[in-house]
Amino acid sequence: MTFKIIIPARYQSSRLEGKPLLEIDGVPMVIHVVKQSLKSKADEVVVATDDQRIFDVVVKFGYKAIMTNLNHRSGTDRVAEVVDLMGWTDNEIVVNVQGDEPLINPSLINQVAEYLDDRRDVFVSTACHSITDYNDFVNPNNVKVVLDKNSQALYFSRAPIPFPRDEFNQKIIGREGFYKHIGIYAYRAKFLKGFKDIEQAPLEDIEKLEQLRILYAGYKIGVVQSIDTPFPGVDTPEDLKRVRKLFSN
């Protein structure tokens, strides 16, 4: 199996401007993401950016970058543009690794790609992890996912789902069926080439979750379960401090 990795990296961020270039252990965050991605089975890793400063840094470190449109609605739209620009075939598997995941596990990257390689009837895959903390379950910043018997997504939400009607307390943690979504995706290139034609869904606008556009349009999303607890990404200044501390240790 071979696959490609695209790392979307925007300069503008409402909570951390210039996030991909913020240094962790003396190295820009996006470079840490590239290095982790290269430890996977991918045969090509490309940073997709809308900012010349990010492009220049990636190239300076000897890695591949490509400039993309400034006005994409989502990271998936940016990834889809790169697939067109690179001329990849319809059957290529493309993994979207977030540019703010400097500690992304290479084995998790392989897992989502392998799911699509094994399941030819599915065009998109992502990942989840069992919820082990009650505060994570009720925190709207943590996206939850509910699965069917085939480990495919039924729904994603910022709300606590599934809702434990009879026992909404700490006791539900650790039970099967309560999963936190991990924001990594694998796609078939053919799906990405048609993504721009999928209309934004009402549910997507309500929850502010672009994966709901895919479910609303009737596509399946396969979900692999990460065995290891994923390391934190970087969304806030507090996240940045935590990750810098992990690197220093």
C-alpha atoms as a PDB file:
ATOM      1  CA  MET A   1       0.000   0.000   0.000  1.00  0.00           C
ATOM      2  CA  THR A   2       1.155   3.529  -0.843  1.00  0.00           C
ATOM      3  CA  PHE A   3      -0.457   6.827   0.015  1.00  0.00           C
ATOM      4  CA  LYS A   4       0.161  10.565   0.073  1.00  0.00           C
ATOM      5  CA  ILE A   5       0.036  13.030   2.978  1.00  0.00           C
ATOM      6  CA  ILE A   6      -1.115  16.626   2.693  1.00  0.00           C
ATOM      7  CA  ILE A   7      -0.608  18.982   5.647  1.00  0.00           C
ATOM      8  CA  PRO A   8      -2.855  22.075   5.405  1.00  0.00           C
ATOM      9  CA  ALA A   9      -1.141  25.001   7.153  1.00  0.00           C
ATOM     10  CA  ARG A  10      -2.844  28.403   7.343  1.00  0.00           C
ATOM     11  CA  TYR A  11      -1.174  31.466   8.816  1.00  0.00           C
ATOM     12  CA  GLN A  12      -4.371  33.096  10.072  1.00  0.00           C
ATOM     13  CA  SER A  13      -5.847  31.612  13.238  1.00  0.00           C
ATOM     14  CA  SER A  14      -8.369  33.256  15.535  1.00  0.00           C
ATOM     15  CA  ARG A  15      -6.587  31.988  18.656  1.00  0.00           C
ATOM     16  CA  LEU A  16      -2.952  31.632  17.554  1.00  0.00           C
ATOM     17  CA  GLU A  17      -1.919  33.748  14.581  1.00  0.00           C
ATOM     18  CA  GLY A  18       0.965  32.287  12.628  1.00  0.00           C
ATOM     19  CA  LYS A  19       0.484  28.976  14.411  1.00  0.00           C
ATOM     20  CA  PRO A  20       2.420  26.769  11.934  1.00  0.00           C
ATOM     21  CA  LEU A  21       5.532  28.907  12.455  1.00  0.00           C
ATOM     22  CA  LEU A  22       5.466  28.987  16.253  1.00  0.00           C
ATOM     23  CA  GLU A  23       8.580  27.279  17.537  1.00  0.00           C
ATOM     24  CA  ILE A  24       8.609  24.135  19.637  1.00  0.00           C
ATOM     25  CA  ASP A  25      12.029  23.062  20.854  1.00  0.00           C
ATOM     26  CA  GLY A  26      13.553  25.580  18.449  1.00  0.00           C
ATOM     27  CA  VAL A  27      11.771  24.232  15.353  1.00  0.00           C
ATOM     28  CA  PRO A  28       8.595  25.584  13.659  1.00  0.00           C
ATOM     29  CA  MET A  29       5.503  23.537  14.494  1.00  0.00           C
ATOM     30  CA  VAL A  30       4.745  22.627  10.885  1.00  0.00           C
ATOM     31  CA  ILE A  31       8.215  21.087  10.498  1.00  0.00           C
ATOM     32  CA  HIS A  32       7.551  18.798  13.472  1.00  0.00           C
ATOM     33  CA  VAL A  33       4.348  17.686  11.712  1.00  0.00           C
ATOM     34  CA  VAL A  34       6.264  16.964   8.511  1.00  0.00           C
ATOM     35  CA  LYS A  35       8.892  14.940  10.381  1.00  0.00           C
ATOM     36  CA  GLN A  36       6.248  12.825  12.129  1.00  0.00           C
ATOM     37  CA  SER A  37       4.423  12.302   8.828  1.00  0.00           C
ATOM     38  CA  LEU A  38       7.608  11.068   7.153  1.00  0.00           C
ATOM     39  CA  LYS A  39       7.821   8.311   9.773  1.00  0.00           C
ATOM     40  CA  SER A  40       4.626   6.803   8.338  1.00  0.00           C
ATOM     41  CA  LYS A  41       4.380   4.593   5.239  1.00  0.00           C
ATOM     42  CA  ALA A  42       3.534   7.565   2.992  1.00  0.00           C
ATOM     43  CA  ASP A  43       5.585   7.903  -0.175  1.00  0.00           C
ATOM     44  CA  GLU A  44       5.058  11.686  -0.408  1.00  0.00           C
ATOM     45  CA  VAL A  45       4.393  14.493   2.084  1.00  0.00           C
ATOM     46  CA  VAL A  46       3.272  17.952   0.942  1.00  0.00           C
ATOM     47  CA  VAL A  47       2.521  21.060   3.012  1.00  0.00           C
ATOM     48  CA  ALA A  48      -0.412  23.018   1.552  1.00  0.00           C
ATOM     49  CA  THR A  49      -0.345  26.652   2.596  1.00  0.00           C
ATOM     50  CA  ASP A  50      -1.857  30.010   1.726  1.00  0.00           C
ATOM     51  CA  ASP A  51       1.077  32.035   3.066  1.00  0.00           C
ATOM     52  CA  GLN A  52       4.476  32.694   1.543  1.00  0.00           C
ATOM     53  CA  ARG A  53       6.177  32.717   4.952  1.00  0.00           C
ATOM     54  CA  ILE A  54       5.076  29.149   5.681  1.00  0.00           C
ATOM     55  CA  PHE A  55       6.022  28.043   2.164  1.00  0.00           C
ATOM     56  CA  ASP A  56       9.508  29.521   2.529  1.00  0.00           C
ATOM     57  CA  VAL A  57      10.134  27.883   5.921  1.00  0.00           C
ATOM     58  CA  VAL A  58       9.092  24.428   4.680  1.00  0.00           C
ATOM     59  CA  VAL A  59      11.341  24.718   1.622  1.00  0.00           C
ATOM     60  CA  LYS A  60      14.197  26.046   3.753  1.00  0.00           C
ATOM     61  CA  PHE A  61      14.071  22.855   5.833  1.00  0.00           C
ATOM     62  CA  GLY A  62      14.206  20.788   2.640  1.00  0.00           C
ATOM     63  CA  TYR A  63      10.588  19.634   2.446  1.00  0.00           C
ATOM     64  CA  LYS A  64       7.874  19.978  -0.194  1.00  0.00           C
ATOM     65  CA  ALA A  65       5.308  22.801  -0.072  1.00  0.00           C
ATOM     66  CA  ILE A  66       2.662  24.114  -2.443  1.00  0.00           C
ATOM     67  CA  MET A  67       0.795  27.427  -2.488  1.00  0.00           C
ATOM     68  CA  THR A  68      -2.993  27.171  -2.477  1.00  0.00           C
ATOM     69  CA  ASN A  69      -5.974  29.502  -2.727  1.00  0.00           C
ATOM     70  CA  LEU A  70      -6.429  31.943   0.146  1.00  0.00           C
ATOM     71  CA  ASN A  71     -10.229  31.616   0.269  1.00  0.00           C
ATOM     72  CA  HIS A  72     -10.925  27.940   0.931  1.00  0.00           C
ATOM     73  CA  ARG A  73     -13.908  27.222   3.201  1.00  0.00           C
ATOM     74  CA  SER A  74     -12.193  24.295   4.893  1.00  0.00           C
ATOM     75  CA  GLY A  75      -9.015  22.253   5.144  1.00  0.00           C
ATOM     76  CA  THR A  76     -10.614  19.589   2.951  1.00  0.00           C
ATOM     77  CA  ASP A  77     -11.120  22.120   0.161  1.00  0.00           C
ATOM     78  CA  ARG A  78      -7.423  22.998   0.418  1.00  0.00           C
ATOM     79  CA  VAL A  79      -6.452  19.316   0.261  1.00  0.00           C
ATOM     80  CA  ALA A  80      -8.705  18.836  -2.769  1.00  0.00           C
ATOM     81  CA  GLU A  81      -6.942  21.679  -4.591  1.00  0.00           C
ATOM     82  CA  VAL A  82      -3.566  20.027  -3.997  1.00  0.00           C
ATOM     83  CA  VAL A  83      -4.825  16.729  -5.446  1.00  0.00           C
ATOM     84  CA  ASP A  84      -5.750  18.584  -8.640  1.00  0.00           C
ATOM     85  CA  LEU A  85      -2.479  20.512  -8.757  1.00  0.00           C
ATOM     86  CA  MET A  86      -0.400  17.367  -8.240  1.00  0.00           C
ATOM     87  CA  GLY A  87      -2.328  15.401 -10.860  1.00  0.00           C
ATOM     88  CA  TRP A  88      -2.761  12.344  -8.647  1.00  0.00           C
ATOM     89  CA  THR A  89      -4.879   9.454  -9.963  1.00  0.00           C
ATOM     90  CA  ASP A  90      -8.433   8.746  -8.752  1.00  0.00           C
ATOM     91  CA  ASN A  91      -7.366   5.669  -6.789  1.00  0.00           C
ATOM     92  CA  GLU A  92      -4.670   7.446  -4.776  1.00  0.00           C
ATOM     93  CA  ILE A  93      -5.220   7.466  -1.011  1.00  0.00           C
ATOM     94  CA  VAL A  94      -4.593  10.890   0.495  1.00  0.00           C
ATOM     95  CA  VAL A  95      -4.243  11.507   4.238  1.00  0.00           C
ATOM     96  CA  ASN A  96      -4.980  14.957   5.665  1.00  0.00           C
ATOM     97  CA  VAL A  97      -2.710  15.506   8.661  1.00  0.00           C
ATOM     98  CA  GLN A  98      -3.516  18.692  10.573  1.00  0.00           C
ATOM     99  CA  GLY A  99      -0.714  21.263  10.656  1.00  0.00           C
ATOM    100  CA  ASP A 100      -1.126  21.750  14.409  1.00  0.00           C
ATOM    101  CA  GLU A 101      -0.392  18.138  15.396  1.00  0.00           C
ATOM    102  CA  PRO A 102       3.375  18.143  16.090  1.00  0.00           C
ATOM    103  CA  LEU A 103       3.113  14.858  18.000  1.00  0.00           C
ATOM    104  CA  ILE A 104       0.867  12.969  15.572  1.00  0.00           C
ATOM    105  CA  ASN A 105       1.457   9.231  15.822  1.00  0.00           C
ATOM    106  CA  PRO A 106       2.730   7.803  12.500  1.00  0.00           C
ATOM    107  CA  SER A 107       0.943   4.509  13.201  1.00  0.00           C
ATOM    108  CA  LEU A 108      -2.381   6.374  13.352  1.00  0.00           C
ATOM    109  CA  ILE A 109      -1.652   7.878   9.939  1.00  0.00           C
ATOM    110  CA  ASN A 110      -1.059   4.358   8.635  1.00  0.00           C
ATOM    111  CA  GLN A 111      -4.289   3.108  10.249  1.00  0.00           C
ATOM    112  CA  VAL A 112      -6.616   5.536   8.472  1.00  0.00           C
ATOM    113  CA  ALA A 113      -4.893   4.898   5.136  1.00  0.00           C
ATOM    114  CA  GLU A 114      -5.039   1.119   5.601  1.00  0.00           C
ATOM    115  CA  TYR A 115      -8.783   1.308   6.333  1.00  0.00           C
ATOM    116  CA  LEU A 116      -9.416   2.693   2.838  1.00  0.00           C
ATOM    117  CA  ASP A 117      -7.004   0.219   1.298  1.00  0.00           C
ATOM    118  CA  ASP A 118      -9.015  -2.612   2.873  1.00  0.00           C
ATOM    119  CA  ARG A 119     -12.515  -1.198   2.239  1.00  0.00           C
ATOM    120  CA  ARG A 120     -12.994  -0.293  -1.395  1.00  0.00           C
ATOM    121  CA  ASP A 121     -16.632   0.739  -0.803  1.00  0.00           C
ATOM    122  CA  VAL A 122     -15.618   3.588   1.550  1.00  0.00           C
ATOM    123  CA  PHE A 123     -14.188   6.904   0.329  1.00  0.00           C
ATOM    124  CA  VAL A 124     -13.330   8.616   3.633  1.00  0.00           C
ATOM    125  CA  SER A 125     -11.879   7.424   6.936  1.00  0.00           C
ATOM    126  CA  THR A 126     -10.982   9.101  10.211  1.00  0.00           C
ATOM    127  CA  ALA A 127     -10.123   8.117  13.793  1.00  0.00           C
ATOM    128  CA  CYS A 128     -11.411   8.130  17.337  1.00  0.00           C
ATOM    129  CA  HIS A 129     -10.339   7.219  20.851  1.00  0.00           C
ATOM    130  CA  SER A 130     -12.268   6.014  23.891  1.00  0.00           C
ATOM    131  CA  ILE A 131     -13.224   8.851  26.203  1.00  0.00           C
ATOM    132  CA  THR A 132     -11.522   8.430  29.571  1.00  0.00           C
ATOM    133  CA  ASP A 133     -12.348  11.756  31.188  1.00  0.00           C
ATOM    134  CA  TYR A 134     -15.831  13.067  32.006  1.00  0.00           C
ATOM    135  CA  ASN A 135     -14.767  16.657  31.330  1.00  0.00           C
ATOM    136  CA  ASP A 136     -13.712  15.650  27.808  1.00  0.00           C
ATOM    137  CA  PHE A 137     -17.180  14.187  27.286  1.00  0.00           C
ATOM    138  CA  VAL A 138     -19.051  17.376  28.198  1.00  0.00           C
ATOM    139  CA  ASN A 139     -16.536  19.840  26.666  1.00  0.00           C
ATOM    140  CA  PRO A 140     -17.967  21.261  23.391  1.00  0.00           C
ATOM    141  CA  ASN A 141     -14.426  21.806  22.081  1.00  0.00           C
ATOM    142  CA  ASN A 142     -14.058  18.013  21.948  1.00  0.00           C
ATOM    143  CA  VAL A 143     -15.950  16.468  19.063  1.00  0.00           C
ATOM    144  CA  LYS A 144     -17.653  13.163  19.803  1.00  0.00           C
ATOM    145  CA  VAL A 145     -18.556  10.445  17.311  1.00  0.00           C
ATOM    146  CA  VAL A 146     -21.106   7.606  17.428  1.00  0.00           C
ATOM    147  CA  LEU A 147     -20.359   4.453  15.410  1.00  0.00           C
ATOM    148  CA  ASP A 148     -22.431   1.713  13.809  1.00  0.00           C
ATOM    149  CA  LYS A 149     -21.604  -2.011  13.963  1.00  0.00           C
ATOM    150  CA  ASN A 150     -19.222  -1.654  11.003  1.00  0.00           C
ATOM    151  CA  SER A 151     -17.186   1.088  12.726  1.00  0.00           C
ATOM    152  CA  GLN A 152     -18.617   3.717  10.435  1.00  0.00           C
ATOM    153  CA  ALA A 153     -19.753   7.105  11.688  1.00  0.00           C
ATOM    154  CA  LEU A 154     -23.425   7.657  12.439  1.00  0.00           C
ATOM    155  CA  TYR A 155     -22.941  11.237  13.635  1.00  0.00           C
ATOM    156  CA  PHE A 156     -20.383  13.735  14.925  1.00  0.00           C
ATOM    157  CA  SER A 157     -21.267  16.382  17.492  1.00  0.00           C
ATOM    158  CA  ARG A 158     -19.867  18.871  19.963  1.00  0.00           C
ATOM    159  CA  ALA A 159     -22.632  17.751  22.306  1.00  0.00           C
ATOM    160  CA  PRO A 160     -22.245  14.720  24.619  1.00  0.00           C
ATOM    161  CA  ILE A 161     -23.259  11.772  22.425  1.00  0.00           C
ATOM    162  CA  PRO A 162     -24.539   9.175  22.891  1.00  0.00           C
ATOM    163  CA  PHE A 163     -26.584  10.849  25.629  1.00  0.00           C
ATOM    164  CA  PRO A 164     -26.726   8.568  28.712  1.00  0.00           C
ATOM    165  CA  ARG A 165     -30.329   9.233  29.742  1.00  0.00           C
ATOM    166  CA  ASP A 166     -30.342   7.277  32.994  1.00  0.00           C
ATOM    167  CA  GLU A 167     -26.834   7.882  34.320  1.00  0.00           C
ATOM    168  CA  PHE A 168     -25.259  11.131  33.174  1.00  0.00           C
ATOM    169  CA  ASN A 169     -22.202  11.149  35.448  1.00  0.00           C
ATOM    170  CA  GLN A 170     -18.605   9.969  35.757  1.00  0.00           C
ATOM    171  CA  LYS A 171     -19.692   6.304  35.775  1.00  0.00           C
ATOM    172  CA  ILE A 172     -20.301   6.274  32.035  1.00  0.00           C
ATOM    173  CA  ILE A 173     -16.629   6.891  31.273  1.00  0.00           C
ATOM    174  CA  GLY A 174     -14.789   3.850  29.974  1.00  0.00           C
ATOM    175  CA  ARG A 175     -17.890   2.150  28.645  1.00  0.00           C
ATOM    176  CA  GLU A 176     -17.974   1.045  25.032  1.00  0.00           C
ATOM    177  CA  GLY A 177     -19.631   3.495  22.672  1.00  0.00           C
ATOM    178  CA  PHE A 178     -18.235   6.787  23.998  1.00  0.00           C
ATOM    179  CA  TYR A 179     -15.613   8.103  21.582  1.00  0.00           C
ATOM    180  CA  LYS A 180     -13.708  11.332  21.047  1.00  0.00           C
ATOM    181  CA  HIS A 181     -13.048  12.186  17.408  1.00  0.00           C
ATOM    182  CA  ILE A 182      -9.431  12.573  16.295  1.00  0.00           C
ATOM    183  CA  GLY A 183      -9.111  15.089  13.453  1.00  0.00           C
ATOM    184  CA  ILE A 184      -7.190  13.076  10.888  1.00  0.00           C
ATOM    185  CA  TYR A 185      -8.753  11.987   7.587  1.00  0.00           C
ATOM    186  CA  ALA A 186      -7.909   9.720   4.677  1.00  0.00           C
ATOM    187  CA  TYR A 187      -9.667  10.154   1.340  1.00  0.00           C
ATOM    188  CA  ARG A 188      -9.709   8.584  -2.055  1.00  0.00           C
ATOM    189  CA  ALA A 189      -8.498  11.170  -4.544  1.00  0.00           C
ATOM    190  CA  LYS A 190     -11.608  10.594  -6.660  1.00  0.00           C
ATOM    191  CA  PHE A 191     -13.780  11.735  -3.742  1.00  0.00           C
ATOM    192  CA  LEU A 192     -11.671  14.862  -3.206  1.00  0.00           C
ATOM    193  CA  LYS A 193     -11.940  15.827  -6.868  1.00  0.00           C
ATOM    194  CA  GLY A 194     -15.711  15.993  -6.462  1.00  0.00           C
ATOM    195  CA  PHE A 195     -15.737  17.503  -2.964  1.00  0.00           C
ATOM    196  CA  LYS A 196     -16.195  21.084  -4.198  1.00  0.00           C
ATOM    197  CA  ASP A 197     -19.510  20.050  -5.748  1.00  0.00           C
ATOM    198  CA  ILE A 198     -20.954  18.839  -2.422  1.00  0.00           C
ATOM    199  CA  GLU A 199     -23.124  21.599  -1.005  1.00  0.00           C
ATOM    200  CA  GLN A 200     -22.580  22.802   2.549  1.00  0.00           C
ATOM    201  CA  ALA A 201     -25.054  21.048   4.832  1.00  0.00           C
ATOM    202  CA  PRO A 202     -27.346  22.730   7.385  1.00  0.00           C
ATOM    203  CA  LEU A 203     -25.957  20.420  10.082  1.00  0.00           C
ATOM    204  CA  GLU A 204     -22.417  21.433   9.178  1.00  0.00           C
ATOM    205  CA  ASP A 205     -23.318  25.086   9.666  1.00  0.00           C
ATOM    206  CA  ILE A 206     -25.011  24.417  13.004  1.00  0.00           C
ATOM    207  CA  GLU A 207     -22.221  22.318  14.551  1.00  0.00           C
ATOM    208  CA  LYS A 208     -19.353  23.943  12.601  1.00  0.00           C
ATOM    209  CA  LEU A 209     -18.098  20.477  11.651  1.00  0.00           C
ATOM    210  CA  GLU A 210     -17.205  19.982   7.989  1.00  0.00           C
ATOM    211  CA  GLN A 211     -17.378  16.171   8.209  1.00  0.00           C
ATOM    212  CA  LEU A 212     -21.146  16.482   8.586  1.00  0.00           C
ATOM    213  CA  ARG A 213     -21.244  17.704   4.966  1.00  0.00           C
ATOM    214  CA  ILE A 214     -19.958  14.297   3.938  1.00  0.00           C
ATOM    215  CA  LEU A 215     -22.463  12.321   6.032  1.00  0.00           C
ATOM    216  CA  TYR A 216     -25.338  14.588   4.983  1.00  0.00           C
ATOM    217  CA  ALA A 217     -24.516  13.918   1.327  1.00  0.00           C
ATOM    218  CA  GLY A 218     -24.847  10.174   1.979  1.00  0.00           C
ATOM    219  CA  TYR A 219     -21.211   9.087   2.012  1.00  0.00           C
ATOM    220  CA  LYS A 220     -19.829   6.628   4.563  1.00  0.00           C
ATOM    221  CA  ILE A 221     -17.013   7.633   6.896  1.00  0.00           C
ATOM    222  CA  GLY A 222     -15.025   4.723   8.292  1.00  0.00           C
ATOM    223  CA  VAL A 223     -13.584   5.218  11.774  1.00  0.00           C
ATOM    224  CA  VAL A 224     -10.509   3.466  13.172  1.00  0.00           C
ATOM    225  CA  GLN A 225     -10.010   3.324  16.913  1.00  0.00           C
ATOM    226  CA  SER A 226      -6.645   4.510  18.181  1.00  0.00           C
ATOM    227  CA  ILE A 227      -5.236   2.146  20.778  1.00  0.00           C
ATOM    228  CA  ASP A 228      -2.817   4.719  22.162  1.00  0.00           C
ATOM    229  CA  THR A 229      -4.059   7.939  23.725  1.00  0.00           C
ATOM    230  CA  PRO A 230      -3.361  10.653  21.143  1.00  0.00           C
ATOM    231  CA  PHE A 231      -1.064  13.505  22.054  1.00  0.00           C
ATOM    232  CA  PRO A 232      -2.695  16.953  22.175  1.00  0.00           C
ATOM    233  CA  GLY A 233      -2.835  19.245  19.172  1.00  0.00           C
ATOM    234  CA  VAL A 234      -2.290  22.988  19.440  1.00  0.00           C
ATOM    235  CA  ASP A 235      -5.354  25.252  19.313  1.00  0.00           C
ATOM    236  CA  THR A 236      -4.745  27.688  22.162  1.00  0.00           C
ATOM    237  CA  PRO A 237      -1.796  29.329  23.968  1.00  0.00           C
ATOM    238  CA  GLU A 238      -2.350  26.836  26.795  1.00  0.00           C
ATOM    239  CA  ASP A 239      -2.047  23.943  24.323  1.00  0.00           C
ATOM    240  CA  LEU A 240       1.202  25.422  23.034  1.00  0.00           C
ATOM    241  CA  LYS A 241       2.653  25.608  26.551  1.00  0.00           C
ATOM    242  CA  ARG A 242       1.651  21.994  27.215  1.00  0.00           C
ATOM    243  CA  VAL A 243       3.219  20.687  24.008  1.00  0.00           C
ATOM    244  CA  ARG A 244       6.413  22.699  24.538  1.00  0.00           C
ATOM    245  CA  LYS A 245       6.672  21.131  27.987  1.00  0.00           C
ATOM    246  CA  LEU A 246       6.255  17.642  26.484  1.00  0.00           C
ATOM    247  CA  PHE A 247       9.117  18.313  24.061  1.00  0.00           C
ATOM    248  CA  SER A 248      11.352  19.736  26.786  1.00  0.00           C
ATOM    249  CA  ASN A 249      10.817  16.573  28.841  1.00  0.00           C
END
